[in-house]
Amino acid sequence: MDFLTLFLIYLCFVLTAIALLCICSGRKEGFLARSANGASQVLSFIIPTQLQRVTQRALHRLFHTRSCLFVVLHIALQAAVYGEYTWEVFVYCWELQFHLLFLLLPYLLLAGNMGCFILCSRANPGVITKSNHASLVKIYEYDGVLFQKGIVCPTCNMEKPARSKHCRFCNTCVHRFDHHCVWVNNCIGAFNAKYFFLYLFTLTAMAATIAIITAAFLIQVVLLSNMMHGSYVDDQGQEHAVEILFLIQHLFLTFPRIVFMLGFVILLTLVLGAYCCFSLYLALTNQTSNEWCKSRRYGCSHHLTLQPHDRQVVYENIYSRGVWMNLKEIFKPSSALERKKK
């Protein structure tokens, strides 16, 4: 393999690992968090103390403060994938007379994705300040389980409105806080949740479209070469009919970067598709990621508020008002908030 292939392999694996860590970073007791904690304890016995301190400061800088590093990595990953798609897949498909609109679809999705990315990263997610605090407190009622009345944020020195949370990255309280996304370097809250959902949807569609076009190209190559009806001789001199494993190996040796890119975008499509479905579920049920995680944690707790006769309260989402109104609250938050104030 050449240097570019090795670099793409290294970059994709690193970014995939970072993406998985970032998805689970909001869960304090998540599997990856516990695994990382256990691994750090083992490594502490063999890594010098000074190097441990430098590593801890670097990790704190990456995962506990706002940084443009992941934005740069996000752009680098897109540039690597689209560069490979443009210089090899697009050219080959054009020679094989694929429909032009079909080949241009990833670029159209890229334009929409970049627009949503800019809007999501630059929009105010709903930062709570002293000037808007009084009005935001009236929007959502306290459910008495996930959100208790009278809780004061020790950093902002203000009472937390229902459905809000203090973001340790941005050091501010955010209205209808969902999570902090390092890939857009901004919190996802009441006023940019719609941009984040569209950003996530177009990103998934981009990966899926590139995967479909690349797979169609490789299938076309196999069909034109009539390879499936051929045979090969193994190391022992025995002749065998072409199998799927042999075919994949042959394609990888012939088009190494294309085949690797296909595997990566397929994996990315599955991961992003699952996350997109989860985000759609949250939108349809009027929940945030923060509330979903807290409700699961409280659901396993025995310290919830007790009803008469010492009956434990079962958490119920009081903010869901039907599928249509839940979606309207995300995509037209101003109208939903005005209706709540009446």
Foldseek 3Di string as FASTA:
>chain_A
DDPLLVVLVVLLVVVVVVVVCLVCVVQCPDPVNVVVVVVVVVCVVPDDPVVVVVVVVVVCCQRQAQDCVLQVSVVVNVCSLVVCCVPPLLVLVVVVPDDPCLSCVLVVLVVQLVVLLVCLLPPQQAFDDPVCPVLLLLQDDAPQFLGDFPDADPQRRHTQRPLWDQRSHVRTIGANWFAQDNNSSGTHHQASVVSVLSNLVSVLVSLVSSLVSLVVSLVVVCVVVVQQQDWDADPVRDIDGDDPVNSLVVVCVVPVNSSVSSVSSVVVNVVSVVVSVVSLVCLQQVHGNVRVSVLVVVQPDPPGDADPVRHHDRDDPPPGDGRVLSNCCRVPVVVSSVVSVD
